[in-house]
Each structure stands twice: as structure tokens, then as C-alpha cells.
Amino acid sequence: MTQLEFANKNIATPLMKKIAVKEGVSAEYVLKCVKNGTIVIPLNNTHKITRPCGIGLGLTTKINANLGTSTDKSETNIELKKLQIACKYGADTVMDLSVGGNLQKIRREIIKHSPVPVGTVPVYEIAVAAQNKKHDFLNFNIADILSTLEAQAKEGVDFFTIHAGVTKRSTQALVQSKRVLGIVSRGGAILAAWMHCHQKENPFYQHFDRILDIAHKYDVTLSLGDGLRPGSVLDATDEAQISELKILGELALRSRKRAVQVMIEGPGHVPLQQIEKNIALEKKICRQAPFYVLGPLVTDVAPGYDHITSAIGGALAASFGADFLCYVTPSEHLRHPSVEDVRQGVIASRIAAHAGDIAKGVKSALNWDKAISQARKKRDWKKQIKLSIDPDKAKEYRVSSKPHLSDVCTMCGKYCSIRVMEECSRV
């Protein structure tokens, strides 16, 4: 049975209990939320990992790190190094987005070595296989789709991004829009091009029930992808995006009825003043399903710094109720990310998620800030470093500039405000 089926029978599984302990909530709460679809626990029933996570209402905001090869960069060992770094610095899940090299080998290695849940975008492998075998990445059919989904699920993939909302209906809304950028989702573009080429409905949408059968068999969580997400802040919250979101809401309901866990993916590039509206729309249309957002990036003008633009948007999104943040690295829009890009992206996204959790009133988040503030008051540098979100960076800065007085830092030295006030209290 799937976790959702157990919840429907009011059975709290060992996995639900483990998540409850990790999050500081009751097992009954986790069971109730899995049952009503406001929490998902992405874990394939054939996959054994050490760090499962729950995503959704009342839990800490989770972050995902994207890994995977490109057509220009396809070294498996580099992607495994990125996996190691992403998990070391706190990624709750990873996604393998590979499109170059031996995709099955890369995916299997990532699944084998990952301590956290692993997601994929199956249409990537489907398109690459069509290109390799038939010299046309749009030459695939539903049989190819289902066989790829089955194979990936059997390997242990924990969640699939399925772009089933890119349909004749939603793409018609796109045609009528006046977007600066059209489709910027790679999966969304492949399927829109397939529909145009074959003059048929999106096979992921048309055969969604057959996809649900595979997801149910392995308890793979579906992450319904936003193939029409805005790629510019000028395109945010337009008719095409909302048309797709409404379709995703319909598909989410069908998933729950099939006892398949489901979450919803969201934008993308969104200006600050529209983030709250976007969260509210998803929660309403998709019946409070966990919301997985890319960023969102709040401006388009910062190539090289998009881990910052996305962290700004991510913090706001999390504070308004987003449950899951997909990291963005400094190399977004510019190049295939390096290991260091992955590290910076994970840290920026974790800061955003934590800031959102403080706004949500998550007790563990507040306790963490309280603990480091108390260490700061005592000028306990060792403990401050240990409690920091990136202890390696904090230690590097501390040891690189040693003060004459050991209990202060070189910013204020003997005029340290905390030290000055402490000495006053002794008089």
C-alpha cells in the first residue's frame, strides 16, 4: 500500500512516525495531513535512505537541489560530488535532470549514493532516447513514456515531475498572451513541441490514469510540473500560468483518489508584490496541496547572482505558505553549475527556507535562532560557528582575521557593544 492508503485506513506507518519525531509534531498530525493531501512523504517503496523528509503544512520548509549532466557536461563523478556537497550543506531532496551521457548509469549512481529522496523529470530521458534511437527527440509515444516511468520507478526514483498541465487548453491561453518569454520550462517546451508536431493532446495528460497506476505501484509521489511558468517577472500570473494551474488542480484530485501522493510545482520569475497571490491561488485551486516553487526569482537583471534573487523570493514564498523551495545557483541562465555553484545555491535556499519558517512560527526555527543569539551574547565563537547555517564559511571568516582580544571580532575590537555592556553590568 502507499503511504496515502495507509493514512486513509488511519494507520500511522513507521515512516510517518519518523517524520513526526524529526519535525517535532505528533504522528497523528502527520497521518491526518497525509490523508487530506496537505503533507507528502516522497519515498519509493523500493528505496532505502537515511534522511526521508515530509513536505507540507506545519512542517519545516524543505529545499531541493538540482543535479545532472548536460549535453556539454556529462561527467558522472562530478555530479556525484555535487550530490555529496548538496547533502552536506542541507538539501532535503535532489533531482537528477541529466540529458547528457549515460542517463541510466548516472541516475542509478545518484540513487545509490543519495541519503535523501531523489526526483527526476522522465520526459528528459524519453526525449534523449528518441534522439539517440530515431534521431528525433520528438519521436516518442505513450508506450515509450510508460516504459521509462516504470523503469525509473523500479530503480527507486521517489518523485516524478510530470508536465501534464501543458495541454491544448493551456497552450491556447499561451498563444493569446503577450509574454516577453514564451515557454522556459525544458519539459514544457518538449511537450508543447511534441503536441505541435503530432497535432495531438499531451500524452502525459491524455494517459494520466496509466501514469497513476505506475506511481501507485511504487508509491512514487507526483510533482505536477509548471511547464508554462513565467520566465520573466513581466509574464508572472498571466492567463497561461493560471490556466495550467487549474488543470494541475484537477489532476491533483485524481491523484489523491488513486491514493497517489501529489504536490504542485510553481513559478518561476515573480515580482515581490505577486508572490503572496501566487501562493494563495495554488492553495485554493489545488486544495492545499504542498507547493514546490522554483525560487521564485524576483528580478531578471542579476545573472551571476540569481541564488540571491531566488532566496529573496523564496523567503517570501515560504512565509506565505510555500512548502518546498527548489534552489537556484549563481550560474542560472549562464552555464552548467559547478560544485561550488551547488554549494552556494543550497546555502542561499536554506537561508530563505529558514527565514520563512521563522515567519511561520515554526518552533524549531525560532529555537535555532535563540541558541545562536545566546552564544553570540556570551561571545562563544566556537558554538556560534557550530550553530551557523554554513559552519565551514563561518570558521573560515573567523580564523582569517584574528582580533587582539580573543572574545571579540575584528569588526569592533575592544569597542564590541556586547562586551562594553557586559563590563558596565559588572560595575
Protein backbone atom coordinates (compact mmCIF):
# COMPACT_ATOMS: atom_id res chain seq x y z
CA MET A 1 0.00 0.00 0.00
CA THR A 2 1.02 3.62 -0.48
CA GLN A 3 1.51 5.99 2.42
CA LEU A 4 -1.74 7.67 1.39
CA GLU A 5 -3.60 4.34 1.51
CA PHE A 6 -2.27 3.66 5.00
CA ALA A 7 -3.39 7.13 6.05
CA ASN A 8 -6.84 6.56 4.55
CA LYS A 9 -7.09 3.49 6.80
CA ASN A 10 -5.93 5.60 9.77
CA ILE A 11 -2.69 3.65 10.10
CA ALA A 12 0.36 5.64 11.16
CA THR A 13 3.29 3.96 9.41
CA PRO A 14 6.85 3.81 10.78
CA LEU A 15 7.76 6.39 8.13
CA MET A 16 5.05 8.78 9.30
CA LYS A 17 6.22 8.32 12.88
CA LYS A 18 9.83 9.01 11.88
CA ILE A 19 8.81 12.22 10.13
CA ALA A 20 6.76 13.27 13.16
CA VAL A 21 9.73 12.86 15.51
CA LYS A 22 12.02 14.72 13.11
CA GLU A 23 9.58 17.63 12.80
CA GLY A 24 8.51 17.81 16.45
CA VAL A 25 4.85 17.11 15.69
CA SER A 26 2.59 14.18 16.54
CA ALA A 27 2.29 11.08 14.40
CA GLU A 28 -1.47 11.69 14.41
CA TYR A 29 -0.90 15.10 12.84
CA VAL A 30 1.30 13.69 10.07
CA LEU A 31 -1.24 10.92 9.40
CA LYS A 32 -4.11 13.42 9.18
CA CYS A 33 -2.21 15.68 6.77
CA VAL A 34 -1.03 12.82 4.54
CA LYS A 35 -4.67 11.69 4.45
CA ASN A 36 -6.00 15.08 3.39
CA GLY A 37 -3.12 15.70 0.98
CA THR A 38 -1.51 18.65 2.75
CA ILE A 39 1.67 16.66 3.51
CA VAL A 40 3.55 14.29 1.21
CA ILE A 41 6.41 11.95 2.08
CA PRO A 42 8.29 11.27 -1.17
CA LEU A 43 9.84 7.83 -0.80
CA ASN A 44 9.61 4.99 -3.32
CA ASN A 45 8.64 1.75 -1.58
CA THR A 46 11.76 0.06 -3.01
CA HIS A 47 14.20 2.82 -1.96
CA LYS A 48 16.10 2.78 1.34
CA ILE A 49 17.52 6.11 2.52
CA THR A 50 18.73 7.58 5.80
CA ARG A 51 17.15 11.04 5.53
CA PRO A 52 13.50 10.85 4.44
CA CYS A 53 11.50 14.05 4.67
CA GLY A 54 7.94 15.27 4.88
CA ILE A 55 6.82 18.24 2.80
CA GLY A 56 3.80 20.32 3.60
CA LEU A 57 1.59 22.09 6.10
CA GLY A 58 3.05 22.65 9.57
CA LEU A 59 6.46 21.21 8.72
CA THR A 60 9.75 22.99 8.13
CA THR A 61 10.19 24.34 4.60
CA LYS A 62 12.23 21.90 2.55
CA ILE A 63 14.72 22.60 -0.24
CA ASN A 64 15.69 20.70 -3.37
CA ALA A 65 19.00 20.77 -5.23
CA ASN A 66 19.04 20.05 -8.96
CA LEU A 67 21.87 17.88 -10.25
CA GLY A 68 22.53 16.19 -13.55
CA THR A 69 24.50 16.31 -16.76
CA SER A 70 24.01 18.48 -19.82
CA THR A 71 24.78 17.86 -23.48
CA ASP A 72 28.09 19.70 -22.90
CA LYS A 73 28.97 18.45 -19.40
CA SER A 74 28.40 14.76 -18.65
CA GLU A 75 30.87 13.54 -16.03
CA THR A 76 29.20 11.19 -13.54
CA ASN A 77 31.86 11.71 -10.86
CA ILE A 78 31.27 15.48 -10.90
CA GLU A 79 27.52 15.00 -10.41
CA LEU A 80 28.20 12.63 -7.51
CA LYS A 81 30.45 15.28 -5.96
CA LYS A 82 27.61 17.78 -6.34
CA LEU A 83 25.30 15.26 -4.64
CA GLN A 84 27.73 14.96 -1.74
CA ILE A 85 28.02 18.73 -1.35
CA ALA A 86 24.27 19.33 -1.67
CA CYS A 87 23.52 16.80 1.05
CA LYS A 88 26.36 18.00 3.28
CA TYR A 89 25.00 21.53 3.28
CA GLY A 90 21.41 20.57 3.91
CA ALA A 91 19.45 19.73 0.77
CA ASP A 92 16.34 17.75 1.73
CA THR A 93 15.96 16.22 -1.73
CA VAL A 94 17.83 16.18 -5.03
CA MET A 95 16.64 15.91 -8.61
CA ASP A 96 18.58 14.29 -11.44
CA LEU A 97 17.93 16.40 -14.54
CA SER A 98 20.51 14.69 -16.74
CA VAL A 99 20.30 14.95 -20.53
CA GLY A 100 23.88 14.03 -21.45
CA GLY A 101 25.92 10.83 -21.22
CA ASN A 102 24.59 7.52 -19.92
CA LEU A 103 21.42 8.68 -18.20
CA GLN A 104 20.57 5.36 -16.59
CA LYS A 105 24.06 4.94 -15.14
CA ILE A 106 24.10 8.48 -13.75
CA ARG A 107 20.63 8.11 -12.22
CA ARG A 108 21.44 4.74 -10.66
CA GLU A 109 24.60 6.12 -9.11
CA ILE A 110 22.75 9.12 -7.69
CA ILE A 111 20.01 6.89 -6.26
CA LYS A 112 22.62 4.52 -4.83
CA HIS A 113 24.61 7.25 -3.08
CA SER A 114 21.88 9.68 -2.07
CA PRO A 115 20.81 9.77 1.60
CA VAL A 116 17.79 11.90 0.60
CA PRO A 117 14.83 11.38 -1.76
CA VAL A 118 15.61 11.56 -5.48
CA GLY A 119 13.36 13.06 -8.14
CA THR A 120 13.51 13.09 -11.94
CA VAL A 121 11.81 14.64 -14.96
CA PRO A 122 11.13 11.48 -17.02
CA VAL A 123 10.38 13.32 -20.27
CA TYR A 124 14.08 14.22 -20.44
CA GLU A 125 15.14 10.58 -20.74
CA ILE A 126 12.25 9.91 -23.12
CA ALA A 127 13.34 12.72 -25.45
CA VAL A 128 17.04 11.81 -25.26
CA ALA A 129 16.26 8.16 -26.07
CA ALA A 130 14.18 9.23 -29.06
CA GLN A 131 17.04 11.41 -30.29
CA ASN A 132 19.58 8.61 -29.87
CA LYS A 133 17.47 5.87 -31.43
CA LYS A 134 15.43 7.75 -34.04
CA HIS A 135 17.40 10.98 -34.48
CA ASP A 136 14.34 12.98 -33.49
CA PHE A 137 13.72 13.91 -29.84
CA LEU A 138 10.00 14.34 -30.58
CA ASN A 139 9.59 10.83 -31.98
CA PHE A 140 8.15 9.11 -28.92
CA ASN A 141 4.76 7.73 -27.91
CA ILE A 142 2.83 6.66 -24.84
CA ALA A 143 4.50 3.24 -24.82
CA ASP A 144 7.90 4.94 -24.56
CA ILE A 145 6.60 7.17 -21.78
CA LEU A 146 5.16 4.33 -19.70
CA SER A 147 8.19 2.07 -20.12
CA THR A 148 10.50 4.88 -18.99
CA LEU A 149 8.33 5.70 -15.97
CA GLU A 150 8.17 2.03 -15.00
CA ALA A 151 11.94 1.60 -15.34
CA GLN A 152 12.75 4.71 -13.29
CA ALA A 153 10.24 3.78 -10.60
CA LYS A 154 11.68 0.28 -10.43
CA GLU A 155 15.15 1.79 -9.94
CA GLY A 156 13.87 3.68 -6.88
CA VAL A 157 13.05 7.22 -8.03
CA ASP A 158 10.99 8.84 -5.26
CA PHE A 159 9.17 11.61 -7.14
CA PHE A 160 8.45 12.44 -10.76
CA THR A 161 7.94 15.85 -12.28
CA ILE A 162 5.11 15.29 -14.75
CA HIS A 163 4.25 18.14 -17.13
CA ALA A 164 0.65 17.06 -17.65
CA GLY A 165 -0.75 20.60 -17.49
CA VAL A 166 0.71 21.64 -20.84
CA THR A 167 -2.44 20.86 -22.84
CA LYS A 168 -4.33 22.16 -25.85
CA ARG A 169 -6.37 24.25 -23.43
CA SER A 170 -3.46 25.84 -21.57
CA THR A 171 -1.27 26.37 -24.63
CA GLN A 172 -4.16 28.18 -26.33
CA ALA A 173 -4.06 30.64 -23.44
CA LEU A 174 -0.31 30.98 -24.04
CA VAL A 175 -0.88 31.82 -27.71
CA GLN A 176 -3.27 34.57 -26.70
CA SER A 177 -0.90 36.05 -24.14
CA LYS A 178 1.68 38.77 -24.78
CA ARG A 179 4.59 37.21 -22.94
CA VAL A 180 8.08 38.58 -23.19
CA LEU A 181 9.27 34.98 -22.98
CA GLY A 182 7.13 32.04 -24.03
CA ILE A 183 7.83 28.60 -22.54
CA VAL A 184 11.02 28.45 -20.47
CA SER A 185 10.46 25.03 -18.90
CA ARG A 186 12.56 22.43 -20.72
CA GLY A 187 9.97 19.71 -20.11
CA GLY A 188 7.14 22.04 -21.01
CA ALA A 189 8.85 23.05 -24.26
CA ILE A 190 9.45 19.43 -25.28
CA LEU A 191 5.81 18.55 -24.77
CA ALA A 192 4.47 21.69 -26.42
CA ALA A 193 6.70 20.96 -29.42
CA TRP A 194 5.53 17.31 -29.44
CA MET A 195 1.90 18.42 -29.45
CA HIS A 196 2.56 20.85 -32.31
CA CYS A 197 4.48 18.25 -34.31
CA HIS A 198 1.97 15.41 -33.88
CA GLN A 199 -1.18 17.52 -33.65
CA LYS A 200 -2.28 15.52 -30.61
CA GLU A 201 -3.05 16.13 -26.95
CA ASN A 202 -0.24 15.90 -24.38
CA PRO A 203 0.18 12.14 -23.77
CA PHE A 204 1.00 12.72 -20.09
CA TYR A 205 -2.42 14.36 -19.76
CA GLN A 206 -4.34 12.03 -22.05
CA HIS A 207 -2.99 8.89 -20.33
CA PHE A 208 -2.73 10.28 -16.82
CA ASP A 209 -4.57 7.32 -15.28
CA ARG A 210 -1.92 4.94 -16.62
CA ILE A 211 0.77 7.13 -15.09
CA LEU A 212 -1.09 6.98 -11.79
CA ASP A 213 -1.03 3.18 -11.96
CA ILE A 214 2.79 3.20 -12.05
CA ALA A 215 3.09 5.85 -9.34
CA HIS A 216 0.70 3.85 -7.14
CA LYS A 217 2.61 0.60 -7.64
CA TYR A 218 5.86 2.08 -6.31
CA ASP A 219 4.43 4.87 -4.13
CA VAL A 220 6.14 7.48 -6.29
CA THR A 221 5.00 10.99 -5.40
CA LEU A 222 3.89 13.06 -8.38
CA SER A 223 5.18 16.61 -8.63
CA LEU A 224 2.88 18.19 -11.19
CA GLY A 225 5.17 20.44 -13.21
CA ASP A 226 4.54 24.01 -14.25
CA GLY A 227 5.51 23.81 -17.89
CA LEU A 228 4.06 27.27 -18.51
CA ARG A 229 5.78 29.01 -15.63
CA PRO A 230 6.85 32.61 -16.31
CA GLY A 231 10.46 33.17 -17.34
CA SER A 232 10.26 36.92 -16.78
CA VAL A 233 8.71 38.96 -13.98
CA LEU A 234 6.71 40.69 -16.73
CA ASP A 235 4.96 37.41 -17.54
CA ALA A 236 4.03 36.38 -13.99
CA THR A 237 0.50 35.34 -13.05
CA ASP A 238 -0.80 35.56 -16.61
CA GLU A 239 -3.68 33.63 -18.17
CA ALA A 240 -1.47 30.79 -19.42
CA GLN A 241 0.08 30.18 -15.98
CA ILE A 242 -3.32 30.16 -14.24
CA SER A 243 -4.90 28.00 -16.96
CA GLU A 244 -2.24 25.37 -16.36
CA LEU A 245 -2.61 25.66 -12.58
CA LYS A 246 -6.33 24.90 -12.86
CA ILE A 247 -5.53 21.74 -14.82
CA LEU A 248 -2.99 20.73 -12.19
CA GLY A 249 -5.67 21.17 -9.53
CA GLU A 250 -7.90 18.72 -11.42
CA LEU A 251 -5.06 16.23 -11.78
CA ALA A 252 -4.13 16.54 -8.11
CA LEU A 253 -7.65 15.49 -7.16
CA ARG A 254 -7.45 12.49 -9.49
CA SER A 255 -4.10 11.54 -7.96
CA ARG A 256 -5.47 11.58 -4.42
CA LYS A 257 -8.44 9.47 -5.45
CA ARG A 258 -5.96 6.89 -6.77
CA ALA A 259 -4.08 7.04 -3.43
CA VAL A 260 -1.05 8.67 -5.08
CA GLN A 261 0.69 11.47 -3.19
CA VAL A 262 0.90 14.72 -5.12
CA MET A 263 2.45 18.17 -4.92
CA ILE A 264 2.29 21.14 -7.25
CA GLU A 265 5.17 23.00 -8.87
CA GLY A 266 5.06 26.77 -9.22
CA PRO A 267 6.89 29.73 -10.70
CA GLY A 268 9.45 30.85 -11.65
CA HIS A 269 10.02 34.58 -12.15
CA VAL A 270 7.57 36.54 -9.97
CA PRO A 271 7.86 40.14 -8.71
CA LEU A 272 7.68 40.65 -4.96
CA GLN A 273 4.16 42.05 -4.93
CA GLN A 274 2.69 38.99 -6.68
CA ILE A 275 4.23 36.22 -4.58
CA GLU A 276 1.53 36.12 -1.91
CA LYS A 277 -1.18 35.99 -4.59
CA ASN A 278 0.55 33.09 -6.32
CA ILE A 279 0.73 31.05 -3.11
CA ALA A 280 -2.90 31.78 -2.29
CA LEU A 281 -4.04 30.77 -5.79
CA GLU A 282 -2.22 27.45 -5.66
CA LYS A 283 -3.54 26.60 -2.22
CA LYS A 284 -7.11 27.41 -3.29
CA ILE A 285 -7.10 25.80 -6.72
CA CYS A 286 -5.13 22.70 -5.70
CA ARG A 287 -6.90 22.11 -2.37
CA GLN A 288 -3.92 22.91 -0.14
CA ALA A 289 -1.53 20.51 -1.89
CA PRO A 290 2.12 21.14 -0.98
CA PHE A 291 3.58 23.89 -3.19
CA TYR A 292 7.04 23.44 -4.73
CA VAL A 293 8.43 26.71 -6.14
CA LEU A 294 11.49 27.47 -8.25
CA GLY A 295 12.81 30.48 -6.37
CA PRO A 296 10.77 32.45 -7.19
CA LEU A 297 13.19 34.91 -8.78
CA VAL A 298 12.06 38.46 -8.05
CA THR A 299 14.02 40.26 -10.78
CA ASP A 300 15.53 39.31 -14.13
CA VAL A 301 18.59 41.56 -14.03
CA ALA A 302 21.02 39.61 -11.82
CA PRO A 303 22.76 36.87 -13.84
CA GLY A 304 25.54 35.52 -11.66
CA TYR A 305 23.58 36.38 -8.52
CA ASP A 306 20.33 34.53 -9.09
CA HIS A 307 20.86 32.49 -5.93
CA ILE A 308 20.19 35.84 -4.22
CA THR A 309 17.18 36.85 -6.32
CA SER A 310 15.66 33.42 -5.71
CA ALA A 311 16.43 33.49 -1.98
CA ILE A 312 14.60 36.80 -1.65
CA GLY A 313 11.57 35.34 -3.39
CA GLY A 314 11.90 32.00 -1.63
CA ALA A 315 11.85 33.58 1.82
CA LEU A 316 8.68 35.48 0.97
CA ALA A 317 7.08 32.44 -0.67
CA ALA A 318 7.85 30.27 2.35
CA SER A 319 6.49 32.89 4.74
CA PHE A 320 3.22 32.94 2.75
CA GLY A 321 2.89 29.16 2.79
CA ALA A 322 5.13 27.59 0.12
CA ASP A 323 6.31 24.22 1.39
CA PHE A 324 9.26 23.33 -0.82
CA LEU A 325 11.89 25.55 -2.46
CA CYS A 326 13.92 24.49 -5.48
CA TYR A 327 17.32 26.08 -5.21
CA VAL A 328 18.77 28.35 -7.87
CA THR A 329 22.53 28.61 -8.27
CA PRO A 330 24.64 31.66 -9.21
CA SER A 331 25.10 30.12 -12.66
CA GLU A 332 21.38 30.06 -13.51
CA HIS A 333 20.78 31.36 -17.07
CA LEU A 334 24.54 31.30 -17.77
CA ARG A 335 26.13 27.84 -17.58
CA HIS A 336 26.02 24.32 -16.20
CA PRO A 337 26.55 24.68 -12.42
CA SER A 338 29.84 23.78 -10.77
CA VAL A 339 30.25 22.07 -7.41
CA GLU A 340 30.76 25.48 -5.79
CA ASP A 341 27.64 26.81 -7.50
CA VAL A 342 25.68 23.95 -5.96
CA ARG A 343 27.05 24.76 -2.51
CA GLN A 344 26.11 28.43 -2.81
CA GLY A 345 22.68 27.58 -4.17
CA VAL A 346 21.90 25.19 -1.33
CA ILE A 347 23.02 27.63 1.36
CA ALA A 348 21.05 30.53 -0.13
CA SER A 349 17.93 28.38 -0.40
CA ARG A 350 18.33 27.09 3.17
CA ILE A 351 18.57 30.65 4.46
CA ALA A 352 15.38 31.51 2.58
CA ALA A 353 13.56 28.44 3.90
CA HIS A 354 14.66 29.16 7.45
CA ALA A 355 13.61 32.81 7.23
CA GLY A 356 10.22 31.63 6.01
CA ASP A 357 9.95 29.18 8.89
CA ILE A 358 10.58 31.97 11.40
CA ALA A 359 7.73 33.92 9.83
CA LYS A 360 5.53 30.82 10.02
CA GLY A 361 6.34 30.46 13.71
CA VAL A 362 7.98 27.06 13.36
CA LYS A 363 9.26 26.32 16.86
CA SER A 364 12.47 24.56 15.82
CA ALA A 365 13.43 27.52 13.61
CA LEU A 366 12.91 30.00 16.45
CA ASN A 367 14.85 27.79 18.86
CA TRP A 368 17.80 27.68 16.46
CA ASP A 369 17.96 31.47 16.28
CA LYS A 370 17.60 31.72 20.04
CA ALA A 371 20.51 29.33 20.59
CA ILE A 372 22.91 31.18 18.29
CA SER A 373 21.85 34.54 19.78
CA GLN A 374 22.64 33.26 23.27
CA ALA A 375 26.04 32.05 22.05
CA ARG A 376 26.63 35.48 20.49
CA LYS A 377 25.78 37.17 23.76
CA LYS A 378 28.36 35.03 25.53
CA ARG A 379 30.81 35.62 22.67
CA ASP A 380 31.13 31.87 22.41
CA TRP A 381 32.68 31.78 18.95
CA LYS A 382 33.02 28.01 18.80
CA LYS A 383 29.32 27.49 19.46
CA GLN A 384 28.29 30.31 17.10
CA ILE A 385 30.23 28.65 14.30
CA LYS A 386 28.77 25.24 15.10
CA LEU A 387 25.22 26.63 15.05
CA SER A 388 25.65 28.62 11.84
CA ILE A 389 23.96 27.51 8.63
CA ASP A 390 27.39 27.14 6.99
CA PRO A 391 29.94 26.35 9.72
CA ASP A 392 32.76 25.98 7.20
CA LYS A 393 32.30 29.52 5.91
CA ALA A 394 31.82 30.96 9.39
CA LYS A 395 35.02 29.31 10.63
CA GLU A 396 36.93 30.46 7.55
CA TYR A 397 35.99 34.09 8.22
CA ARG A 398 36.73 33.85 11.94
CA VAL A 399 40.22 32.36 11.59
CA SER A 400 41.16 34.65 8.67
CA SER A 401 41.03 37.79 10.86
CA LYS A 402 42.08 37.21 14.45
CA PRO A 403 41.45 40.00 16.99
CA HIS A 404 43.86 41.11 19.70
CA LEU A 405 41.17 40.29 22.27
CA SER A 406 40.05 36.67 21.89
CA ASP A 407 36.43 37.23 22.98
CA VAL A 408 35.59 39.79 20.25
CA CYS A 409 35.94 40.03 16.48
CA THR A 410 37.92 42.49 14.37
CA MET A 411 34.83 44.45 13.35
CA CYS A 412 34.54 46.30 16.67
CA GLY A 413 37.50 45.00 18.66
CA LYS A 414 37.65 46.46 22.19
CA TYR A 415 34.55 48.55 21.42
CA CYS A 416 32.35 45.49 20.96
CA SER A 417 28.89 46.58 22.13
CA ILE A 418 28.13 43.30 23.86
CA ARG A 419 31.44 43.38 25.72
CA VAL A 420 31.04 47.06 26.67
CA MET A 421 27.57 46.46 28.14
CA GLU A 422 28.74 43.33 29.93
CA GLU A 423 31.50 45.31 31.63
CA CYS A 424 29.00 48.01 32.61
CA SER A 425 26.84 45.44 34.33
CA ARG A 426 29.77 44.38 36.49
CA VAL A 427 30.28 47.89 37.89
